[in-house]
C-alpha cells in the first residue's frame, strides 16, 4: 500500500509492523525480522511522548511492552513448524495484545487528547477532500452527476477502509494487502466515472506534475 499515508494520532498505538519474507507453499515460510529505521523509531516515540505528555513510569512501561512484543515476534518468525494461516493468526494476536497494553497505559485525559486529535484529522481531511474535488471539477469539467457518484464512491471507500483497520482478526500484513486491493479498486472505479477525454486530461496533468517534480530535483 502506498501511503501514505498519514502519520497521526490514530496511528500512535497501531502495532509496529514486523515484515516477513515468505516462501510460497502450504507450509510455514521462512521468516526474517526487518529492523525499523532508527530515526523513524525514535521520531515516532518522541512524537507520542510530546503530544501525550507521558510520564517517566508510562515511558518505562511502554518500552517494556515494546521490547516484549518484538521478542515474541522474533520467536514467532523463527518458527518454521506452523502454517501460514496459524502464523498470521498468532501475529494478529500479538499485535492486538500490544495495542491493548499500550492503550491501557493512558490516562482518561490522554485518551481524550487522542480522540480530539482524530476528530481534527477527520475534519481536516474533509476540507482537503472537498477542495480536491472542487479542483477536479474545474480542471476536468466534471458534471454534477459525476460529482455525486464520486462522493458516493469516496464514502464507500472510507467505510471499507475503516472496516479493514478496525478488524482485529487481521495482522498488519493482511491489512496492508487488503488496503492495497481496496486502493486499486477505488482508483479503477474513479476512472470509470470519467469520460475517455477526462481520463486523458487527468493523465496528462499527472504527467506534467511528475515532470515538474523531476525538473526541480
Protein backbone atom coordinates (compact mmCIF):
# COMPACT_ATOMS: atom_id res chain seq x y z
CA UNK A 1 0.00 0.00 0.00
CA UNK A 2 1.39 3.23 -0.93
CA UNK A 3 0.78 5.74 1.53
CA UNK A 4 0.84 7.32 2.66
CA UNK A 5 -0.34 7.56 4.24
CA UNK A 6 -0.90 9.52 7.14
CA UNK A 7 1.08 9.72 10.35
CA UNK A 8 -1.29 10.72 13.03
CA UNK A 9 -2.87 10.22 16.40
CA UNK A 10 -4.88 7.30 15.08
CA UNK A 11 -1.59 5.58 14.37
CA UNK A 12 0.01 6.19 17.76
CA UNK A 13 -0.88 2.75 19.02
CA UNK A 14 -1.12 0.90 15.78
CA UNK A 15 1.10 -2.06 16.27
CA UNK A 16 4.64 -1.79 14.93
CA UNK A 17 4.87 -3.79 11.77
CA UNK A 18 7.39 -6.60 11.53
CA UNK A 19 7.81 -7.61 7.90
CA UNK A 20 8.28 -11.22 6.96
CA UNK A 21 9.87 -12.84 3.95
CA UNK A 22 7.66 -15.66 2.75
CA UNK A 23 8.29 -18.79 0.71
CA UNK A 24 5.36 -19.97 -1.40
CA UNK A 25 3.75 -23.24 -0.39
CA UNK A 26 1.24 -24.74 2.01
CA UNK A 27 3.72 -24.99 4.86
CA UNK A 28 5.04 -22.18 7.01
CA UNK A 29 7.54 -19.89 5.26
CA UNK A 30 10.92 -18.81 6.48
CA UNK A 31 10.52 -15.53 8.34
CA UNK A 32 13.04 -12.81 8.80
CA UNK A 33 12.66 -9.82 11.07
CA UNK A 34 13.32 -6.48 9.38
CA UNK A 35 14.65 -3.79 11.68
CA UNK A 36 12.90 -0.45 11.64
CA UNK A 37 14.87 2.59 10.71
CA UNK A 38 16.28 4.05 13.93
CA UNK A 39 15.26 7.60 13.08
CA UNK A 40 11.67 6.58 12.41
CA UNK A 41 11.52 4.59 15.63
CA UNK A 42 12.82 7.36 17.85
CA UNK A 43 10.86 10.03 15.97
CA UNK A 44 7.61 8.15 16.50
CA UNK A 45 8.31 7.64 20.22
CA UNK A 46 9.23 11.28 20.58
CA UNK A 47 6.00 12.43 18.95
CA UNK A 48 3.91 10.19 21.20
CA UNK A 49 5.63 11.43 24.34
CA UNK A 50 5.37 15.05 23.25
CA UNK A 51 1.69 15.02 22.30
CA UNK A 52 0.50 12.92 25.24
CA UNK A 53 2.96 14.13 27.88
CA UNK A 54 3.80 10.61 29.04
CA UNK A 55 5.35 10.48 32.49
CA UNK A 56 8.52 8.52 33.19
CA UNK A 57 6.65 5.48 34.50
CA UNK A 58 4.50 5.34 31.36
CA UNK A 59 7.59 5.61 29.17
CA UNK A 60 9.27 2.74 31.01
CA UNK A 61 6.18 0.55 30.77
CA UNK A 62 5.77 1.36 27.09
CA UNK A 63 9.40 0.42 26.47
CA UNK A 64 8.97 -2.90 28.28
CA UNK A 65 5.79 -3.68 26.34
CA UNK A 66 7.55 -2.89 23.08
CA UNK A 67 10.60 -4.99 23.89
CA UNK A 68 8.49 -7.98 24.93
CA UNK A 69 6.42 -7.65 21.77
CA UNK A 70 9.46 -7.65 19.50
CA UNK A 71 10.91 -10.68 21.29
CA UNK A 72 7.66 -12.57 20.77
CA UNK A 73 7.53 -11.54 17.11
CA UNK A 74 11.13 -12.65 16.57
CA UNK A 75 10.37 -16.05 18.13
CA UNK A 76 7.25 -16.45 16.00
CA UNK A 77 9.10 -15.57 12.81
CA UNK A 78 11.74 -18.21 13.55
CA UNK A 79 9.09 -20.90 13.98
CA UNK A 80 9.05 -22.88 10.72
CA UNK A 81 6.70 -25.56 12.05
CA UNK A 82 3.43 -23.67 11.67
CA UNK A 83 1.25 -22.95 8.68
CA UNK A 84 0.91 -19.51 7.17
CA UNK A 85 -2.64 -19.30 8.49
CA UNK A 86 -1.52 -20.04 12.05
CA UNK A 87 1.37 -17.60 11.72
CA UNK A 88 -0.97 -14.78 10.68
CA UNK A 89 -3.40 -15.65 13.47
CA UNK A 90 -0.68 -15.54 16.11
CA UNK A 91 0.82 -12.36 14.67
CA UNK A 92 -2.57 -10.62 14.80
CA UNK A 93 -3.00 -11.77 18.42
CA UNK A 94 0.43 -10.36 19.39
CA UNK A 95 -0.32 -7.06 17.71
CA UNK A 96 -3.71 -6.72 19.36
CA UNK A 97 -2.24 -7.61 22.76
CA UNK A 98 0.44 -4.93 22.39
CA UNK A 99 -2.11 -2.35 21.27
CA UNK A 100 -4.37 -3.11 24.25
CA UNK A 101 -1.49 -2.88 26.73
CA UNK A 102 -0.24 0.38 25.26
CA UNK A 103 -3.70 1.92 25.41
CA UNK A 104 -4.04 0.67 28.98
CA UNK A 105 -1.13 2.91 29.98
CA UNK A 106 -3.01 6.09 29.14
CA UNK A 107 -4.98 8.27 31.48
CA UNK A 108 -8.51 9.43 30.67
CA UNK A 109 -7.12 12.83 29.68
CA UNK A 110 -4.57 11.30 27.32
CA UNK A 111 -7.21 9.15 25.67
CA UNK A 112 -9.40 12.21 25.25
CA UNK A 113 -6.47 14.00 23.62
CA UNK A 114 -6.09 11.18 21.11
CA UNK A 115 -9.82 11.27 20.36
CA UNK A 116 -9.61 15.03 19.86
CA UNK A 117 -6.67 14.60 17.51
CA UNK A 118 -8.57 12.01 15.47
CA UNK A 119 -11.55 14.34 15.19
CA UNK A 120 -9.36 17.19 13.96
CA UNK A 121 -7.73 14.90 11.44
CA UNK A 122 -11.12 13.86 10.09
CA UNK A 123 -12.27 17.45 9.83
CA UNK A 124 -9.08 18.50 8.05
CA UNK A 125 -9.38 15.54 5.69
CA UNK A 126 -12.93 16.53 4.81
CA UNK A 127 -11.80 20.07 3.98
CA UNK A 128 -8.92 18.78 1.83
CA UNK A 129 -11.18 16.31 0.04
CA UNK A 130 -13.76 19.00 -0.70
CA UNK A 131 -11.07 21.31 -2.09
CA UNK A 132 -9.56 18.49 -4.16
CA UNK A 133 -12.95 17.59 -5.60
CA UNK A 134 -13.63 21.21 -6.49
CA UNK A 135 -10.29 21.44 -8.31
CA UNK A 136 -11.07 18.25 -10.23
CA UNK A 137 -14.48 19.63 -11.15
CA UNK A 138 -12.86 22.72 -12.63
CA UNK A 139 -9.83 21.06 -14.24
CA UNK A 140 -11.64 18.06 -15.71
CA UNK A 141 -15.02 19.64 -16.35
CA UNK A 142 -16.90 17.20 -14.14
CA UNK A 143 -20.69 17.17 -14.32
CA UNK A 144 -22.94 17.26 -11.27
CA UNK A 145 -23.92 13.61 -11.68
CA UNK A 146 -20.23 12.66 -11.80
CA UNK A 147 -19.56 14.62 -8.61
CA UNK A 148 -22.41 12.78 -6.89
CA UNK A 149 -21.00 9.40 -8.00
CA UNK A 150 -17.50 10.33 -6.81
CA UNK A 151 -18.79 11.40 -3.39
CA UNK A 152 -20.73 8.16 -3.05
CA UNK A 153 -17.62 6.22 -4.06
CA UNK A 154 -15.48 8.09 -1.52
CA UNK A 155 -17.93 7.30 1.28
CA UNK A 156 -17.90 3.62 0.35
CA UNK A 157 -14.09 3.62 0.27
CA UNK A 158 -13.85 5.22 3.73
CA UNK A 159 -16.28 2.69 5.22
CA UNK A 160 -14.42 -0.27 3.71
CA UNK A 161 -11.05 1.13 4.80
CA UNK A 162 -12.33 1.64 8.36
CA UNK A 163 -13.64 -1.93 8.45
CA UNK A 164 -10.20 -3.22 7.48
CA UNK A 165 -8.39 -1.01 10.04
CA UNK A 166 -10.78 -1.99 12.82
CA UNK A 167 -10.64 -5.73 12.10
CA UNK A 168 -8.51 -7.05 14.95
CA UNK A 169 -8.56 -10.54 13.42
CA UNK A 170 -6.20 -9.30 10.70
CA UNK A 171 -2.46 -8.88 11.09
CA UNK A 172 -0.81 -5.68 9.88
CA UNK A 173 0.45 -7.59 6.85
CA UNK A 174 -3.08 -8.70 5.97
CA UNK A 175 -4.40 -5.17 6.49
CA UNK A 176 -1.75 -3.81 4.14
CA UNK A 177 -2.66 -6.36 1.48
CA UNK A 178 -6.38 -5.65 1.73
CA UNK A 179 -5.81 -1.89 1.72
CA UNK A 180 -3.70 -2.22 -1.42
CA UNK A 181 -6.51 -4.12 -3.14
CA UNK A 182 -9.06 -1.58 -1.94
CA UNK A 183 -6.96 1.33 -3.18
CA UNK A 184 -6.71 -0.25 -6.62
CA UNK A 185 -10.45 -0.89 -6.66
CA UNK A 186 -11.06 2.73 -5.68
CA UNK A 187 -8.75 4.03 -8.41
CA UNK A 188 -10.37 1.86 -11.10
CA UNK A 189 -13.89 2.84 -10.00
CA UNK A 190 -12.95 6.51 -10.11
CA UNK A 191 -11.61 6.25 -13.65
CA UNK A 192 -14.79 4.50 -14.74
CA UNK A 193 -16.79 7.57 -13.70
CA UNK A 194 -14.76 9.76 -16.04
CA UNK A 195 -15.21 10.03 -19.77
CA UNK A 196 -12.34 9.00 -22.03
CA UNK A 197 -11.46 12.66 -22.62
CA UNK A 198 -11.45 13.38 -18.89
CA UNK A 199 -9.21 10.38 -18.24
CA UNK A 200 -6.73 11.56 -20.86
CA UNK A 201 -6.79 15.07 -19.43
CA UNK A 202 -6.17 13.77 -15.91
CA UNK A 203 -3.32 11.53 -17.09
CA UNK A 204 -1.75 14.46 -18.92
CA UNK A 205 -1.91 16.70 -15.84
CA UNK A 206 -0.37 13.97 -13.68
CA UNK A 207 2.43 13.52 -16.18
CA UNK A 208 3.10 17.25 -16.21
CA UNK A 209 3.18 17.24 -12.42
CA UNK A 210 5.68 14.36 -12.31
CA UNK A 211 7.84 16.02 -14.95
CA UNK A 212 7.87 19.28 -13.00
CA UNK A 213 8.90 17.45 -9.83
CA UNK A 214 11.70 15.73 -11.72
CA UNK A 215 12.92 19.10 -13.04
CA UNK A 216 13.01 20.52 -9.51
CA UNK A 217 15.19 17.63 -8.34
